[in-house]
């Protein structure tokens, strides 16, 4: 399920993409401006070296992004938690780029860029990566909630049954069920708000890109 501006809807996103890998470069600036400058350096370097960009397959999962380099066994994996920023290039929207954090101390960030055959394909990679982040993020939220409740997934149902069978003094099973339902509703509302905030951020970035074209 994915929350959008008009409510929830089911969505099947593409998770595998055929692209050309432009390469990477160290990035010392944050945000869209930093990525744009890094992509320009990558583009200029390839042009000066008359370098041909190899075809690769990009695969996206909730764990992260994998680059499969042609028929070779070489693969590059970028954990979702290490990808700090991604965007379409403002001057060539067929290019999708992202920052990969290697380390925090000393700060080491690489900007990777891929060339797609259309802007729609580049946007699809961004959407797929965003959905993967959301999926992984929600899973972490659920795990954290279970940790706070000190309940393992295996005995969650058993504990719920036992708790419901032995209400506290002055508390009925109906009251406990209402409390549980209210708690679940609060959690769902919190998750929906998180998704809404993230979607609003994406829309603002798209608007900024369109204004600067």
C-alpha atoms as a PDB file:
ATOM      1  CA  UNK A   1       0.000   0.000   0.000  1.00  0.00           C
ATOM      2  CA  UNK A   2       1.129   3.530  -0.705  1.00  0.00           C
ATOM      3  CA  UNK A   3      -0.374   6.704   0.639  1.00  0.00           C
ATOM      4  CA  UNK A   4      -0.859   9.468  -1.876  1.00  0.00           C
ATOM      5  CA  UNK A   5      -2.572  12.831  -1.943  1.00  0.00           C
ATOM      6  CA  UNK A   6      -5.877  11.147  -2.690  1.00  0.00           C
ATOM      7  CA  UNK A   7      -5.668   8.355  -0.113  1.00  0.00           C
ATOM      8  CA  UNK A   8      -4.265   4.832  -0.150  1.00  0.00           C
ATOM      9  CA  UNK A   9      -3.850   2.738  -3.267  1.00  0.00           C
ATOM     10  CA  UNK A  10      -2.068  -0.428  -4.309  1.00  0.00           C
ATOM     11  CA  UNK A  11       0.965   0.068  -6.467  1.00  0.00           C
ATOM     12  CA  UNK A  12       3.319  -2.318  -8.240  1.00  0.00           C
ATOM     13  CA  UNK A  13       6.630  -0.607  -8.823  1.00  0.00           C
ATOM     14  CA  UNK A  14       9.389  -1.726 -11.114  1.00  0.00           C
ATOM     15  CA  UNK A  15      12.421  -2.862  -9.138  1.00  0.00           C
ATOM     16  CA  UNK A  16      14.887  -3.687 -11.937  1.00  0.00           C
ATOM     17  CA  UNK A  17      16.239  -1.167 -14.460  1.00  0.00           C
ATOM     18  CA  UNK A  18      18.579  -1.282 -17.467  1.00  0.00           C
ATOM     19  CA  UNK A  19      20.771   1.841 -17.464  1.00  0.00           C
ATOM     20  CA  UNK A  20      24.226   3.141 -18.367  1.00  0.00           C
ATOM     21  CA  UNK A  21      26.573   3.679 -15.444  1.00  0.00           C
ATOM     22  CA  UNK A  22      28.293   7.050 -15.713  1.00  0.00           C
ATOM     23  CA  UNK A  23      30.516   6.469 -12.685  1.00  0.00           C
ATOM     24  CA  UNK A  24      31.036   8.240  -9.381  1.00  0.00           C
ATOM     25  CA  UNK A  25      33.020  11.039  -7.794  1.00  0.00           C
ATOM     26  CA  UNK A  26      33.693  12.337  -4.290  1.00  0.00           C
ATOM     27  CA  UNK A  27      31.015  14.815  -3.263  1.00  0.00           C
ATOM     28  CA  UNK A  28      31.719  17.505  -0.680  1.00  0.00           C
ATOM     29  CA  UNK A  29      28.481  19.486  -1.057  1.00  0.00           C
ATOM     30  CA  UNK A  30      25.015  18.537   0.156  1.00  0.00           C
ATOM     31  CA  UNK A  31      21.591  18.854  -1.443  1.00  0.00           C
ATOM     32  CA  UNK A  32      20.548  19.237  -5.081  1.00  0.00           C
ATOM     33  CA  UNK A  33      23.310  21.743  -5.859  1.00  0.00           C
ATOM     34  CA  UNK A  34      26.005  19.373  -4.629  1.00  0.00           C
ATOM     35  CA  UNK A  35      24.668  16.475  -6.693  1.00  0.00           C
ATOM     36  CA  UNK A  36      24.318  18.644  -9.821  1.00  0.00           C
ATOM     37  CA  UNK A  37      27.949  19.758  -9.536  1.00  0.00           C
ATOM     38  CA  UNK A  38      29.108  16.189  -8.981  1.00  0.00           C
ATOM     39  CA  UNK A  39      27.165  14.926 -12.013  1.00  0.00           C
ATOM     40  CA  UNK A  40      28.682  17.665 -14.191  1.00  0.00           C
ATOM     41  CA  UNK A  41      32.174  16.612 -13.098  1.00  0.00           C
ATOM     42  CA  UNK A  42      31.374  12.981 -13.912  1.00  0.00           C
ATOM     43  CA  UNK A  43      29.985  13.979 -17.325  1.00  0.00           C
ATOM     44  CA  UNK A  44      32.979  16.200 -18.147  1.00  0.00           C
ATOM     45  CA  UNK A  45      35.431  13.503 -17.067  1.00  0.00           C
ATOM     46  CA  UNK A  46      33.773  10.893 -19.290  1.00  0.00           C
ATOM     47  CA  UNK A  47      33.765  13.293 -22.244  1.00  0.00           C
ATOM     48  CA  UNK A  48      37.413  14.281 -21.794  1.00  0.00           C
ATOM     49  CA  UNK A  49      38.492  10.663 -21.458  1.00  0.00           C
ATOM     50  CA  UNK A  50      36.164   9.620 -24.310  1.00  0.00           C
ATOM     51  CA  UNK A  51      34.846   7.010 -21.936  1.00  0.00           C
ATOM     52  CA  UNK A  52      31.937   4.765 -22.919  1.00  0.00           C
ATOM     53  CA  UNK A  53      29.406   4.214 -20.160  1.00  0.00           C
ATOM     54  CA  UNK A  54      28.844   0.477 -19.553  1.00  0.00           C
ATOM     55  CA  UNK A  55      25.359  -0.976 -19.385  1.00  0.00           C
ATOM     56  CA  UNK A  56      24.335  -2.283 -15.981  1.00  0.00           C
ATOM     57  CA  UNK A  57      21.214  -3.532 -14.229  1.00  0.00           C
ATOM     58  CA  UNK A  58      20.033  -1.597 -11.197  1.00  0.00           C
ATOM     59  CA  UNK A  59      18.007  -3.621  -8.698  1.00  0.00           C
ATOM     60  CA  UNK A  60      16.169  -2.000  -5.781  1.00  0.00           C
ATOM     61  CA  UNK A  61      15.002  -3.749  -2.615  1.00  0.00           C
ATOM     62  CA  UNK A  62      14.087  -2.648   0.894  1.00  0.00           C
ATOM     63  CA  UNK A  63      17.693  -3.404   1.895  1.00  0.00           C
ATOM     64  CA  UNK A  64      19.175  -1.095  -0.714  1.00  0.00           C
ATOM     65  CA  UNK A  65      20.338  -0.779  -4.316  1.00  0.00           C
ATOM     66  CA  UNK A  66      22.508  -3.239  -6.279  1.00  0.00           C
ATOM     67  CA  UNK A  67      24.478  -2.554  -9.462  1.00  0.00           C
ATOM     68  CA  UNK A  68      24.997  -5.676 -11.607  1.00  0.00           C
ATOM     69  CA  UNK A  69      27.780  -5.033 -14.103  1.00  0.00           C
ATOM     70  CA  UNK A  70      26.875  -6.896 -17.280  1.00  0.00           C
ATOM     71  CA  UNK A  71      27.983 -10.503 -17.639  1.00  0.00           C
ATOM     72  CA  UNK A  72      30.683 -10.138 -15.007  1.00  0.00           C
ATOM     73  CA  UNK A  73      30.237 -11.309 -11.445  1.00  0.00           C
ATOM     74  CA  UNK A  74      31.036  -7.851 -10.094  1.00  0.00           C
ATOM     75  CA  UNK A  75      28.282  -6.294  -8.026  1.00  0.00           C
ATOM     76  CA  UNK A  76      28.022  -3.081  -6.035  1.00  0.00           C
ATOM     77  CA  UNK A  77      25.622  -2.846  -3.115  1.00  0.00           C
ATOM     78  CA  UNK A  78      24.466   0.384  -1.486  1.00  0.00           C
ATOM     79  CA  UNK A  79      22.567  -0.059   1.785  1.00  0.00           C
ATOM     80  CA  UNK A  80      19.377   1.984   1.959  1.00  0.00           C
ATOM     81  CA  UNK A  81      20.495   3.577   5.224  1.00  0.00           C
ATOM     82  CA  UNK A  82      23.705   4.795   3.540  1.00  0.00           C
ATOM     83  CA  UNK A  83      21.916   6.602   0.690  1.00  0.00           C
ATOM     84  CA  UNK A  84      21.414  10.122   1.973  1.00  0.00           C
ATOM     85  CA  UNK A  85      20.060  11.981  -1.056  1.00  0.00           C
ATOM     86  CA  UNK A  86      18.932  11.227  -4.595  1.00  0.00           C
ATOM     87  CA  UNK A  87      17.492  13.283  -7.444  1.00  0.00           C
ATOM     88  CA  UNK A  88      17.032  13.745 -11.171  1.00  0.00           C
ATOM     89  CA  UNK A  89      19.645  15.983 -12.692  1.00  0.00           C
ATOM     90  CA  UNK A  90      18.124  19.411 -13.323  1.00  0.00           C
ATOM     91  CA  UNK A  91      19.933  19.908 -16.635  1.00  0.00           C
ATOM     92  CA  UNK A  92      19.493  16.380 -18.015  1.00  0.00           C
ATOM     93  CA  UNK A  93      16.477  14.698 -16.453  1.00  0.00           C
ATOM     94  CA  UNK A  94      17.471  11.338 -17.960  1.00  0.00           C
ATOM     95  CA  UNK A  95      20.215  11.188 -15.332  1.00  0.00           C
ATOM     96  CA  UNK A  96      19.482   9.784 -11.886  1.00  0.00           C
ATOM     97  CA  UNK A  97      22.084  10.380  -9.171  1.00  0.00           C
ATOM     98  CA  UNK A  98      22.428   9.682  -5.463  1.00  0.00           C
ATOM     99  CA  UNK A  99      24.847  10.225  -2.590  1.00  0.00           C
ATOM    100  CA  UNK A 100      26.356   7.168  -0.923  1.00  0.00           C
ATOM    101  CA  UNK A 101      27.823   7.710   2.544  1.00  0.00           C
ATOM    102  CA  UNK A 102      30.970   5.621   2.974  1.00  0.00           C
ATOM    103  CA  UNK A 103      31.882   6.942   6.413  1.00  0.00           C
ATOM    104  CA  UNK A 104      31.058   9.782   8.793  1.00  0.00           C
ATOM    105  CA  UNK A 105      34.490  10.292  10.316  1.00  0.00           C
ATOM    106  CA  UNK A 106      36.262  11.243   8.227  1.00  0.00           C
ATOM    107  CA  UNK A 107      33.318  12.281   6.054  1.00  0.00           C
ATOM    108  CA  UNK A 108      33.433  10.322   2.810  1.00  0.00           C
ATOM    109  CA  UNK A 109      30.535  10.685   0.361  1.00  0.00           C
ATOM    110  CA  UNK A 110      30.401   9.382  -3.200  1.00  0.00           C
ATOM    111  CA  UNK A 111      27.938  10.626  -5.803  1.00  0.00           C
ATOM    112  CA  UNK A 112      26.934   7.896  -8.297  1.00  0.00           C
ATOM    113  CA  UNK A 113      25.124   8.662 -11.555  1.00  0.00           C
ATOM    114  CA  UNK A 114      23.284   6.521 -14.102  1.00  0.00           C
ATOM    115  CA  UNK A 115      21.936   7.503 -17.523  1.00  0.00           C
ATOM    116  CA  UNK A 116      18.433   6.286 -18.386  1.00  0.00           C
ATOM    117  CA  UNK A 117      16.748   6.155 -21.792  1.00  0.00           C
ATOM    118  CA  UNK A 118      13.997   8.506 -20.610  1.00  0.00           C
ATOM    119  CA  UNK A 119      13.023  10.882 -17.830  1.00  0.00           C
ATOM    120  CA  UNK A 120      10.201   8.495 -16.907  1.00  0.00           C
ATOM    121  CA  UNK A 121      12.731   5.724 -16.272  1.00  0.00           C
ATOM    122  CA  UNK A 122      14.858   8.003 -14.105  1.00  0.00           C
ATOM    123  CA  UNK A 123      11.789   9.003 -12.108  1.00  0.00           C
ATOM    124  CA  UNK A 124      10.797   5.347 -11.760  1.00  0.00           C
ATOM    125  CA  UNK A 125      14.151   4.560 -10.137  1.00  0.00           C
ATOM    126  CA  UNK A 126      13.641   7.412  -7.687  1.00  0.00           C
ATOM    127  CA  UNK A 127      10.101   6.254  -6.886  1.00  0.00           C
ATOM    128  CA  UNK A 128      11.253   2.673  -6.401  1.00  0.00           C
ATOM    129  CA  UNK A 129      14.069   3.771  -4.102  1.00  0.00           C
ATOM    130  CA  UNK A 130      11.709   5.964  -2.097  1.00  0.00           C
ATOM    131  CA  UNK A 131       9.224   3.093  -1.719  1.00  0.00           C
ATOM    132  CA  UNK A 132      12.041   0.775  -0.632  1.00  0.00           C
ATOM    133  CA  UNK A 133      13.106   3.307   1.988  1.00  0.00           C
ATOM    134  CA  UNK A 134       9.542   3.635   3.219  1.00  0.00           C
ATOM    135  CA  UNK A 135       9.098  -0.138   3.383  1.00  0.00           C
ATOM    136  CA  UNK A 136      12.318  -0.614   5.335  1.00  0.00           C
ATOM    137  CA  UNK A 137      11.612   2.382   7.565  1.00  0.00           C
ATOM    138  CA  UNK A 138       8.162   1.106   8.521  1.00  0.00           C
ATOM    139  CA  UNK A 139       9.605  -2.305   9.284  1.00  0.00           C
ATOM    140  CA  UNK A 140      12.100  -0.686  11.649  1.00  0.00           C
ATOM    141  CA  UNK A 141       9.269   1.267  13.307  1.00  0.00           C
ATOM    142  CA  UNK A 142       7.346  -1.947  13.882  1.00  0.00           C
ATOM    143  CA  UNK A 143      10.423  -3.659  15.321  1.00  0.00           C
ATOM    144  CA  UNK A 144      11.060  -0.694  17.599  1.00  0.00           C
ATOM    145  CA  UNK A 145       7.448  -0.768  18.781  1.00  0.00           C
ATOM    146  CA  UNK A 146       7.733  -4.478  19.596  1.00  0.00           C
ATOM    147  CA  UNK A 147      10.989  -3.842  21.468  1.00  0.00           C
ATOM    148  CA  UNK A 148       9.325  -1.125  23.533  1.00  0.00           C
ATOM    149  CA  UNK A 149       6.489  -3.484  24.342  1.00  0.00           C
ATOM    150  CA  UNK A 150       9.072  -6.170  25.113  1.00  0.00           C
ATOM    151  CA  UNK A 151       7.139  -8.593  22.937  1.00  0.00           C
ATOM    152  CA  UNK A 152       8.672 -10.911  20.324  1.00  0.00           C
ATOM    153  CA  UNK A 153       6.773 -11.610  17.083  1.00  0.00           C
ATOM    154  CA  UNK A 154       6.541 -15.315  17.989  1.00  0.00           C
ATOM    155  CA  UNK A 155       4.645 -14.843  21.242  1.00  0.00           C
ATOM    156  CA  UNK A 156       2.871 -11.565  20.460  1.00  0.00           C
ATOM    157  CA  UNK A 157      -0.440 -13.320  19.796  1.00  0.00           C
ATOM    158  CA  UNK A 158      -0.057 -15.583  22.847  1.00  0.00           C
ATOM    159  CA  UNK A 159       0.668 -12.649  25.149  1.00  0.00           C
ATOM    160  CA  UNK A 160      -2.290 -10.733  23.733  1.00  0.00           C
ATOM    161  CA  UNK A 161      -4.588 -13.671  24.493  1.00  0.00           C
ATOM    162  CA  UNK A 162      -3.226 -14.098  28.018  1.00  0.00           C
ATOM    163  CA  UNK A 163      -3.487 -10.397  28.745  1.00  0.00           C
ATOM    164  CA  UNK A 164      -7.056 -10.287  27.497  1.00  0.00           C
ATOM    165  CA  UNK A 165      -7.989 -13.310  29.615  1.00  0.00           C
ATOM    166  CA  UNK A 166      -6.784 -11.724  32.872  1.00  0.00           C
ATOM    167  CA  UNK A 167      -7.913  -8.092  33.078  1.00  0.00           C
ATOM    168  CA  UNK A 168      -6.708  -5.838  35.861  1.00  0.00           C
ATOM    169  CA  UNK A 169      -8.933  -5.087  38.828  1.00  0.00           C
ATOM    170  CA  UNK A 170     -11.831  -2.898  37.758  1.00  0.00           C
ATOM    171  CA  UNK A 171     -10.985  -3.331  34.061  1.00  0.00           C
ATOM    172  CA  UNK A 172     -13.087  -5.404  31.679  1.00  0.00           C
ATOM    173  CA  UNK A 173     -11.978  -7.281  28.576  1.00  0.00           C
ATOM    174  CA  UNK A 174     -14.050  -4.846  26.522  1.00  0.00           C
ATOM    175  CA  UNK A 175     -12.142  -1.886  27.998  1.00  0.00           C
ATOM    176  CA  UNK A 176      -8.801  -3.574  27.227  1.00  0.00           C
ATOM    177  CA  UNK A 177      -9.898  -4.237  23.650  1.00  0.00           C
ATOM    178  CA  UNK A 178     -10.847  -0.569  23.243  1.00  0.00           C
ATOM    179  CA  UNK A 179      -7.450   0.550  24.572  1.00  0.00           C
ATOM    180  CA  UNK A 180      -5.668  -1.822  22.192  1.00  0.00           C
ATOM    181  CA  UNK A 181      -7.735  -0.597  19.238  1.00  0.00           C
ATOM    182  CA  UNK A 182      -7.036   3.035  20.150  1.00  0.00           C
ATOM    183  CA  UNK A 183      -3.283   2.329  20.407  1.00  0.00           C
ATOM    184  CA  UNK A 184      -3.291   0.702  16.981  1.00  0.00           C
ATOM    185  CA  UNK A 185      -5.191   3.665  15.566  1.00  0.00           C
ATOM    186  CA  UNK A 186      -2.657   6.108  16.985  1.00  0.00           C
ATOM    187  CA  UNK A 187       0.210   4.104  15.457  1.00  0.00           C
ATOM    188  CA  UNK A 188      -1.490   3.985  12.056  1.00  0.00           C
ATOM    189  CA  UNK A 189      -2.060   7.749  12.188  1.00  0.00           C
ATOM    190  CA  UNK A 190       1.598   8.338  13.046  1.00  0.00           C
ATOM    191  CA  UNK A 191       2.737   6.192  10.108  1.00  0.00           C
ATOM    192  CA  UNK A 192       0.356   7.972   7.740  1.00  0.00           C
ATOM    193  CA  UNK A 193       1.699  11.344   8.882  1.00  0.00           C
ATOM    194  CA  UNK A 194       5.273  10.172   8.266  1.00  0.00           C
ATOM    195  CA  UNK A 195       4.400   9.091   4.720  1.00  0.00           C
ATOM    196  CA  UNK A 196       2.539  12.352   4.064  1.00  0.00           C
ATOM    197  CA  UNK A 197       5.529  14.414   5.208  1.00  0.00           C
ATOM    198  CA  UNK A 198       7.884  12.414   2.980  1.00  0.00           C
ATOM    199  CA  UNK A 199       5.574  12.714  -0.039  1.00  0.00           C
ATOM    200  CA  UNK A 200       5.220  16.455   0.521  1.00  0.00           C
ATOM    201  CA  UNK A 201       9.018  16.746   0.566  1.00  0.00           C
ATOM    202  CA  UNK A 202       9.258  14.882  -2.750  1.00  0.00           C
ATOM    203  CA  UNK A 203       6.625  17.169  -4.305  1.00  0.00           C
ATOM    204  CA  UNK A 204       8.484  20.279  -3.103  1.00  0.00           C
ATOM    205  CA  UNK A 205      11.730  19.011  -4.637  1.00  0.00           C
ATOM    206  CA  UNK A 206       9.952  18.310  -7.932  1.00  0.00           C
ATOM    207  CA  UNK A 207       8.517  21.830  -7.887  1.00  0.00           C
ATOM    208  CA  UNK A 208      11.946  23.344  -7.262  1.00  0.00           C
ATOM    209  CA  UNK A 209      13.420  21.361 -10.153  1.00  0.00           C
ATOM    210  CA  UNK A 210      10.657  22.488 -12.534  1.00  0.00           C
ATOM    211  CA  UNK A 211      11.086  26.146 -11.526  1.00  0.00           C
ATOM    212  CA  UNK A 212      14.829  26.063 -12.189  1.00  0.00           C
ATOM    213  CA  UNK A 213      14.610  24.431 -15.624  1.00  0.00           C
END
